[in-house]
Amino acid sequence: MTPMHLEIGDRLRLRKPHPCGNYDWVVVRLGADIGLSCEKCGRRVLLPRSEVERRTKQMLPRATKTETDAEFEMD
């Protein structure tokens, strides 16, 4: 099986909810471990790539950049 192609900023829907009740996560770090940030509460977790691939239910459309996102990236 080929590894899942992920890029920073990709949105994923996982199979089980985060304790805050949200299913949707944003990829914030790539490598052997994948960093994910909860879209609802902002909590960041680091999971092995194999676990992220196993837990992923669906790839969601990428969020469009807003002006505040562009300002945040410049800092």
PDB file of N, CA and C in Angstrom:
ATOM      1  N   MET A   1       0.846  -1.182   0.000  1.00  0.00           N
ATOM      2  CA  MET A   1       0.000   0.000   0.000  1.00  0.00           C
ATOM      3  C   MET A   1       0.890   1.244   0.000  1.00  0.00           C
ATOM      4  N   THR A   2       0.573   2.204  -0.845  1.00  0.00           N
ATOM      5  CA  THR A   2       1.372   3.414  -0.933  1.00  0.00           C
ATOM      6  C   THR A   2       0.980   4.382   0.190  1.00  0.00           C
ATOM      7  N   PRO A   3       1.940   5.162   0.677  1.00  0.00           N
ATOM      8  CA  PRO A   3       1.621   6.119   1.742  1.00  0.00           C
ATOM      9  C   PRO A   3       0.663   7.205   1.247  1.00  0.00           C
ATOM     10  N   MET A   4      -0.139   7.700   2.156  1.00  0.00           N
ATOM     11  CA  MET A   4      -1.090   8.765   1.853  1.00  0.00           C
ATOM     12  C   MET A   4      -0.312  10.050   1.565  1.00  0.00           C
ATOM     13  N   HIS A   5      -0.687  10.753   0.503  1.00  0.00           N
ATOM     14  CA  HIS A   5      -0.019  12.005   0.154  1.00  0.00           C
ATOM     15  C   HIS A   5      -0.651  13.133   0.962  1.00  0.00           C
ATOM     16  N   LEU A   6       0.136  13.731   1.848  1.00  0.00           N
ATOM     17  CA  LEU A   6      -0.341  14.826   2.681  1.00  0.00           C
ATOM     18  C   LEU A   6       0.536  16.049   2.486  1.00  0.00           C
ATOM     19  N   GLU A   7      -0.061  17.211   2.637  1.00  0.00           N
ATOM     20  CA  GLU A   7       0.663  18.473   2.609  1.00  0.00           C
ATOM     21  C   GLU A   7       0.208  19.306   3.805  1.00  0.00           C
ATOM     22  N   ILE A   8       1.057  20.232   4.215  1.00  0.00           N
ATOM     23  CA  ILE A   8       0.685  21.114   5.319  1.00  0.00           C
ATOM     24  C   ILE A   8      -0.530  21.936   4.895  1.00  0.00           C
ATOM     25  N   GLY A   9      -1.518  22.012   5.763  1.00  0.00           N
ATOM     26  CA  GLY A   9      -2.757  22.735   5.458  1.00  0.00           C
ATOM     27  C   GLY A   9      -3.881  21.817   5.013  1.00  0.00           C
ATOM     28  N   ASP A  10      -3.581  20.541   4.734  1.00  0.00           N
ATOM     29  CA  ASP A  10      -4.640  19.598   4.372  1.00  0.00           C
ATOM     30  C   ASP A  10      -5.568  19.405   5.569  1.00  0.00           C
ATOM     31  N   ARG A  11      -6.840  19.183   5.277  1.00  0.00           N
ATOM     32  CA  ARG A  11      -7.828  18.938   6.326  1.00  0.00           C
ATOM     33  C   ARG A  11      -8.242  17.473   6.266  1.00  0.00           C
ATOM     34  N   LEU A  12      -8.323  16.850   7.444  1.00  0.00           N
ATOM     35  CA  LEU A  12      -8.686  15.442   7.542  1.00  0.00           C
ATOM     36  C   LEU A  12      -9.874  15.275   8.475  1.00  0.00           C
ATOM     37  N   ARG A  13     -10.736  14.309   8.173  1.00  0.00           N
ATOM     38  CA  ARG A  13     -11.796  13.905   9.092  1.00  0.00           C
ATOM     39  C   ARG A  13     -11.400  12.536   9.616  1.00  0.00           C
ATOM     40  N   LEU A  14     -11.219  12.434  10.935  1.00  0.00           N
ATOM     41  CA  LEU A  14     -10.824  11.176  11.549  1.00  0.00           C
ATOM     42  C   LEU A  14     -12.051  10.375  11.967  1.00  0.00           C
ATOM     43  N   ARG A  15     -11.844   9.084  12.213  1.00  0.00           N
ATOM     44  CA  ARG A  15     -12.952   8.175  12.525  1.00  0.00           C
ATOM     45  C   ARG A  15     -13.596   8.419  13.885  1.00  0.00           C
ATOM     46  N   LYS A  16     -12.787   8.772  14.877  1.00  0.00           N
ATOM     47  CA  LYS A  16     -13.325   8.995  16.219  1.00  0.00           C
ATOM     48  C   LYS A  16     -13.181  10.466  16.591  1.00  0.00           C
ATOM     49  N   PRO A  17     -14.112  10.991  17.376  1.00  0.00           N
ATOM     50  CA  PRO A  17     -14.035  12.414  17.726  1.00  0.00           C
ATOM     51  C   PRO A  17     -12.968  12.701  18.774  1.00  0.00           C
ATOM     52  N   HIS A  18     -12.477  13.929  18.742  1.00  0.00           N
ATOM     53  CA  HIS A  18     -11.596  14.459  19.784  1.00  0.00           C
ATOM     54  C   HIS A  18     -12.492  14.664  21.024  1.00  0.00           C
ATOM     55  N   PRO A  19     -11.957  14.675  22.228  1.00  0.00           N
ATOM     56  CA  PRO A  19     -12.799  14.901  23.413  1.00  0.00           C
ATOM     57  C   PRO A  19     -13.652  16.172  23.349  1.00  0.00           C
ATOM     58  N   CYS A  20     -13.239  17.165  22.564  1.00  0.00           N
ATOM     59  CA  CYS A  20     -14.051  18.387  22.429  1.00  0.00           C
ATOM     60  C   CYS A  20     -15.260  18.163  21.526  1.00  0.00           C
ATOM     61  N   GLY A  21     -15.321  17.009  20.843  1.00  0.00           N
ATOM     62  CA  GLY A  21     -16.471  16.680  20.010  1.00  0.00           C
ATOM     63  C   GLY A  21     -16.251  16.870  18.519  1.00  0.00           C
ATOM     64  N   ASN A  22     -15.099  17.375  18.120  1.00  0.00           N
ATOM     65  CA  ASN A  22     -14.822  17.650  16.713  1.00  0.00           C
ATOM     66  C   ASN A  22     -14.129  16.470  16.034  1.00  0.00           C
ATOM     67  N   TYR A  23     -14.429  16.251  14.750  1.00  0.00           N
ATOM     68  CA  TYR A  23     -13.812  15.190  13.964  1.00  0.00           C
ATOM     69  C   TYR A  23     -12.748  15.723  13.004  1.00  0.00           C
ATOM     70  N   ASP A  24     -12.707  17.034  12.781  1.00  0.00           N
ATOM     71  CA  ASP A  24     -11.884  17.619  11.717  1.00  0.00           C
ATOM     72  C   ASP A  24     -10.566  18.178  12.245  1.00  0.00           C
ATOM     73  N   TRP A  25      -9.470  17.888  11.510  1.00  0.00           N
ATOM     74  CA  TRP A  25      -8.115  18.262  11.901  1.00  0.00           C
ATOM     75  C   TRP A  25      -7.387  18.879  10.717  1.00  0.00           C
ATOM     76  N   VAL A  26      -6.379  19.707  10.986  1.00  0.00           N
ATOM     77  CA  VAL A  26      -5.539  20.325   9.965  1.00  0.00           C
ATOM     78  C   VAL A  26      -4.118  19.804  10.152  1.00  0.00           C
ATOM     79  N   VAL A  27      -3.458  19.441   9.043  1.00  0.00           N
ATOM     80  CA  VAL A  27      -2.072  18.973   9.095  1.00  0.00           C
ATOM     81  C   VAL A  27      -1.162  20.188   9.294  1.00  0.00           C
ATOM     82  N   VAL A  28      -0.328  20.148  10.358  1.00  0.00           N
ATOM     83  CA  VAL A  28       0.564  21.274  10.653  1.00  0.00           C
ATOM     84  C   VAL A  28       2.035  20.868  10.623  1.00  0.00           C
ATOM     85  N   ARG A  29       2.327  19.564  10.537  1.00  0.00           N
ATOM     86  CA  ARG A  29       3.713  19.096  10.501  1.00  0.00           C
ATOM     87  C   ARG A  29       3.761  17.781   9.750  1.00  0.00           C
ATOM     88  N   LEU A  30       4.811  17.598   8.936  1.00  0.00           N
ATOM     89  CA  LEU A  30       4.976  16.367   8.165  1.00  0.00           C
ATOM     90  C   LEU A  30       6.305  15.710   8.500  1.00  0.00           C
ATOM     91  N   GLY A  31       6.374  14.431   8.258  1.00  0.00           N
ATOM     92  CA  GLY A  31       7.573  13.644   8.513  1.00  0.00           C
ATOM     93  C   GLY A  31       7.142  12.234   8.843  1.00  0.00           C
ATOM     94  N   ALA A  32       7.980  11.495   9.587  1.00  0.00           N
ATOM     95  CA  ALA A  32       7.583  10.166  10.043  1.00  0.00           C
ATOM     96  C   ALA A  32       6.381  10.293  10.971  1.00  0.00           C
ATOM     97  N   ASP A  33       6.345  11.388  11.753  1.00  0.00           N
ATOM     98  CA  ASP A  33       5.190  11.707  12.586  1.00  0.00           C
ATOM     99  C   ASP A  33       4.449  12.869  11.940  1.00  0.00           C
ATOM    100  N   ILE A  34       3.134  12.845  12.061  1.00  0.00           N
ATOM    101  CA  ILE A  34       2.288  13.889  11.475  1.00  0.00           C
ATOM    102  C   ILE A  34       1.726  14.736  12.607  1.00  0.00           C
ATOM    103  N   GLY A  35       1.872  16.047  12.508  1.00  0.00           N
ATOM    104  CA  GLY A  35       1.288  16.963  13.485  1.00  0.00           C
ATOM    105  C   GLY A  35      -0.087  17.388  13.011  1.00  0.00           C
ATOM    106  N   LEU A  36      -1.064  17.284  13.898  1.00  0.00           N
ATOM    107  CA  LEU A  36      -2.435  17.667  13.582  1.00  0.00           C
ATOM    108  C   LEU A  36      -2.921  18.690  14.599  1.00  0.00           C
ATOM    109  N   SER A  37      -3.764  19.604  14.137  1.00  0.00           N
ATOM    110  CA  SER A  37      -4.353  20.611  14.999  1.00  0.00           C
ATOM    111  C   SER A  37      -5.869  20.512  14.887  1.00  0.00           C
ATOM    112  N   CYS A  38      -6.547  20.406  16.030  1.00  0.00           N
ATOM    113  CA  CYS A  38      -8.009  20.315  16.047  1.00  0.00           C
ATOM    114  C   CYS A  38      -8.587  21.645  15.565  1.00  0.00           C
ATOM    115  N   GLU A  39      -9.552  21.577  14.651  1.00  0.00           N
ATOM    116  CA  GLU A  39     -10.142  22.805  14.116  1.00  0.00           C
ATOM    117  C   GLU A  39     -11.031  23.516  15.128  1.00  0.00           C
ATOM    118  N   LYS A  40     -11.572  22.796  16.099  1.00  0.00           N
ATOM    119  CA  LYS A  40     -12.490  23.414  17.059  1.00  0.00           C
ATOM    120  C   LYS A  40     -11.751  24.033  18.250  1.00  0.00           C
ATOM    121  N   CYS A  41     -10.891  23.247  18.906  1.00  0.00           N
ATOM    122  CA  CYS A  41     -10.274  23.744  20.140  1.00  0.00           C
ATOM    123  C   CYS A  41      -8.806  24.145  19.971  1.00  0.00           C
ATOM    124  N   GLY A  42      -8.184  23.788  18.827  1.00  0.00           N
ATOM    125  CA  GLY A  42      -6.812  24.192  18.578  1.00  0.00           C
ATOM    126  C   GLY A  42      -5.754  23.282  19.179  1.00  0.00           C
ATOM    127  N   ARG A  43      -6.145  22.220  19.860  1.00  0.00           N
ATOM    128  CA  ARG A  43      -5.184  21.288  20.462  1.00  0.00           C
ATOM    129  C   ARG A  43      -4.332  20.656  19.374  1.00  0.00           C
ATOM    130  N   ARG A  44      -3.021  20.546  19.614  1.00  0.00           N
ATOM    131  CA  ARG A  44      -2.105  19.946  18.640  1.00  0.00           C
ATOM    132  C   ARG A  44      -1.644  18.597  19.148  1.00  0.00           C
ATOM    133  N   VAL A  45      -1.628  17.610  18.248  1.00  0.00           N
ATOM    134  CA  VAL A  45      -1.149  16.277  18.593  1.00  0.00           C
ATOM    135  C   VAL A  45      -0.140  15.832  17.545  1.00  0.00           C
ATOM    136  N   LEU A  46       0.713  14.891  17.928  1.00  0.00           N
ATOM    137  CA  LEU A  46       1.709  14.330  17.039  1.00  0.00           C
ATOM    138  C   LEU A  46       1.474  12.828  17.003  1.00  0.00           C
ATOM    139  N   LEU A  47       1.147  12.296  15.819  1.00  0.00           N
ATOM    140  CA  LEU A  47       0.849  10.875  15.671  1.00  0.00           C
ATOM    141  C   LEU A  47       1.751  10.261  14.609  1.00  0.00           C
ATOM    142  N   PRO A  48       2.097   8.979  14.764  1.00  0.00           N
ATOM    143  CA  PRO A  48       2.858   8.314  13.706  1.00  0.00           C
ATOM    144  C   PRO A  48       2.056   8.311  12.403  1.00  0.00           C
ATOM    145  N   ARG A  49       2.760   8.407  11.284  1.00  0.00           N
ATOM    146  CA  ARG A  49       2.106   8.446   9.977  1.00  0.00           C
ATOM    147  C   ARG A  49       1.145   7.265   9.785  1.00  0.00           C
ATOM    148  N   SER A  50       1.561   6.075  10.195  1.00  0.00           N
ATOM    149  CA  SER A  50       0.726   4.882  10.012  1.00  0.00           C
ATOM    150  C   SER A  50      -0.595   5.010  10.771  1.00  0.00           C
ATOM    151  N   GLU A  51      -0.547   5.618  11.955  1.00  0.00           N
ATOM    152  CA  GLU A  51      -1.765   5.779  12.739  1.00  0.00           C
ATOM    153  C   GLU A  51      -2.697   6.815  12.106  1.00  0.00           C
ATOM    154  N   VAL A  52      -2.132   7.894  11.579  1.00  0.00           N
ATOM    155  CA  VAL A  52      -2.953   8.909  10.904  1.00  0.00           C
ATOM    156  C   VAL A  52      -3.641   8.285   9.689  1.00  0.00           C
ATOM    157  N   GLU A  53      -2.899   7.497   8.907  1.00  0.00           N
ATOM    158  CA  GLU A  53      -3.492   6.856   7.727  1.00  0.00           C
ATOM    159  C   GLU A  53      -4.612   5.899   8.127  1.00  0.00           C
ATOM    160  N   ARG A  54      -4.425   5.175   9.212  1.00  0.00           N
ATOM    161  CA  ARG A  54      -5.433   4.208   9.664  1.00  0.00           C
ATOM    162  C   ARG A  54      -6.675   4.915  10.214  1.00  0.00           C
ATOM    163  N   ARG A  55      -6.479   6.042  10.918  1.00  0.00           N
ATOM    164  CA  ARG A  55      -7.594   6.760  11.545  1.00  0.00           C
ATOM    165  C   ARG A  55      -8.353   7.683  10.596  1.00  0.00           C
ATOM    166  N   THR A  56      -7.772   8.003   9.434  1.00  0.00           N
ATOM    167  CA  THR A  56      -8.404   8.951   8.510  1.00  0.00           C
ATOM    168  C   THR A  56      -9.611   8.326   7.837  1.00  0.00           C
ATOM    169  N   LYS A  57     -10.721   9.037   7.929  1.00  0.00           N
ATOM    170  CA  LYS A  57     -11.956   8.602   7.287  1.00  0.00           C
ATOM    171  C   LYS A  57     -12.132   9.292   5.941  1.00  0.00           C
ATOM    172  N   GLN A  58     -11.733  10.582   5.875  1.00  0.00           N
ATOM    173  CA  GLN A  58     -11.991  11.364   4.670  1.00  0.00           C
ATOM    174  C   GLN A  58     -11.029  12.548   4.595  1.00  0.00           C
ATOM    175  N   MET A  59     -10.606  12.876   3.364  1.00  0.00           N
ATOM    176  CA  MET A  59      -9.841  14.103   3.125  1.00  0.00           C
ATOM    177  C   MET A  59     -10.870  15.192   2.818  1.00  0.00           C
ATOM    178  N   LEU A  60     -10.794  16.314   3.515  1.00  0.00           N
ATOM    179  CA  LEU A  60     -11.733  17.412   3.323  1.00  0.00           C
ATOM    180  C   LEU A  60     -11.121  18.459   2.404  1.00  0.00           C
ATOM    181  N   PRO A  61     -11.950  19.297   1.779  1.00  0.00           N
ATOM    182  CA  PRO A  61     -11.401  20.376   0.941  1.00  0.00           C
ATOM    183  C   PRO A  61     -10.548  21.314   1.785  1.00  0.00           C
ATOM    184  N   ARG A  62      -9.488  21.832   1.176  1.00  0.00           N
ATOM    185  CA  ARG A  62      -8.604  22.760   1.879  1.00  0.00           C
ATOM    186  C   ARG A  62      -9.345  24.043   2.208  1.00  0.00           C
ATOM    187  N   ALA A  63      -9.044  24.618   3.360  1.00  0.00           N
ATOM    188  CA  ALA A  63      -9.647  25.892   3.751  1.00  0.00           C
ATOM    189  C   ALA A  63      -9.014  27.000   2.923  1.00  0.00           C
ATOM    190  N   THR A  64      -9.800  27.991   2.575  1.00  0.00           N
ATOM    191  CA  THR A  64      -9.254  29.128   1.834  1.00  0.00           C
ATOM    192  C   THR A  64      -8.541  30.042   2.814  1.00  0.00           C
ATOM    193  N   LYS A  65      -7.464  30.660   2.358  1.00  0.00           N
ATOM    194  CA  LYS A  65      -6.703  31.557   3.228  1.00  0.00           C
ATOM    195  C   LYS A  65      -7.463  32.869   3.403  1.00  0.00           C
ATOM    196  N   THR A  66      -7.472  33.336   4.621  1.00  0.00           N
ATOM    197  CA  THR A  66      -8.087  34.625   4.918  1.00  0.00           C
ATOM    198  C   THR A  66      -6.978  35.630   5.181  1.00  0.00           C
ATOM    199  N   GLU A  67      -7.344  36.870   5.340  1.00  0.00           N
ATOM    200  CA  GLU A  67      -6.348  37.908   5.601  1.00  0.00           C
ATOM    201  C   GLU A  67      -5.625  37.652   6.912  1.00  0.00           C
ATOM    202  N   THR A  68      -6.331  37.169   7.932  1.00  0.00           N
ATOM    203  CA  THR A  68      -5.693  36.920   9.224  1.00  0.00           C
ATOM    204  C   THR A  68      -4.692  35.773   9.117  1.00  0.00           C
ATOM    205  N   ASP A  69      -4.965  34.760   8.284  1.00  0.00           N
ATOM    206  CA  ASP A  69      -4.022  33.662   8.080  1.00  0.00           C
ATOM    207  C   ASP A  69      -2.733  34.186   7.448  1.00  0.00           C
ATOM    208  N   ALA A  70      -2.869  35.071   6.466  1.00  0.00           N
ATOM    209  CA  ALA A  70      -1.700  35.625   5.794  1.00  0.00           C
ATOM    210  C   ALA A  70      -0.856  36.455   6.766  1.00  0.00           C
ATOM    211  N   GLU A  71      -1.510  37.208   7.644  1.00  0.00           N
ATOM    212  CA  GLU A  71      -0.777  37.994   8.643  1.00  0.00           C
ATOM    213  C   GLU A  71      -0.074  37.085   9.632  1.00  0.00           C
ATOM    214  N   PHE A  72      -0.711  35.996  10.026  1.00  0.00           N
ATOM    215  CA  PHE A  72      -0.129  35.057  10.979  1.00  0.00           C
ATOM    216  C   PHE A  72       1.124  34.398  10.407  1.00  0.00           C
ATOM    217  N   GLU A  73       1.118  34.066   9.117  1.00  0.00           N
ATOM    218  CA  GLU A  73       2.251  33.432   8.484  1.00  0.00           C
ATOM    219  C   GLU A  73       3.448  34.376   8.396  1.00  0.00           C
ATOM    220  N   MET A  74       3.199  35.678   8.296  1.00  0.00           N
ATOM    221  CA  MET A  74       4.284  36.637   8.156  1.00  0.00           C
ATOM    222  C   MET A  74       5.030  36.837   9.468  1.00  0.00           C
ATOM    223  N   ASP A  75       4.363  36.592  10.611  1.00  0.00           N
ATOM    224  CA  ASP A  75       5.002  36.792  11.922  1.00  0.00           C
ATOM    225  C   ASP A  75       6.052  35.765  12.205  1.00  0.00           C
TER     226      ASP A  75
END
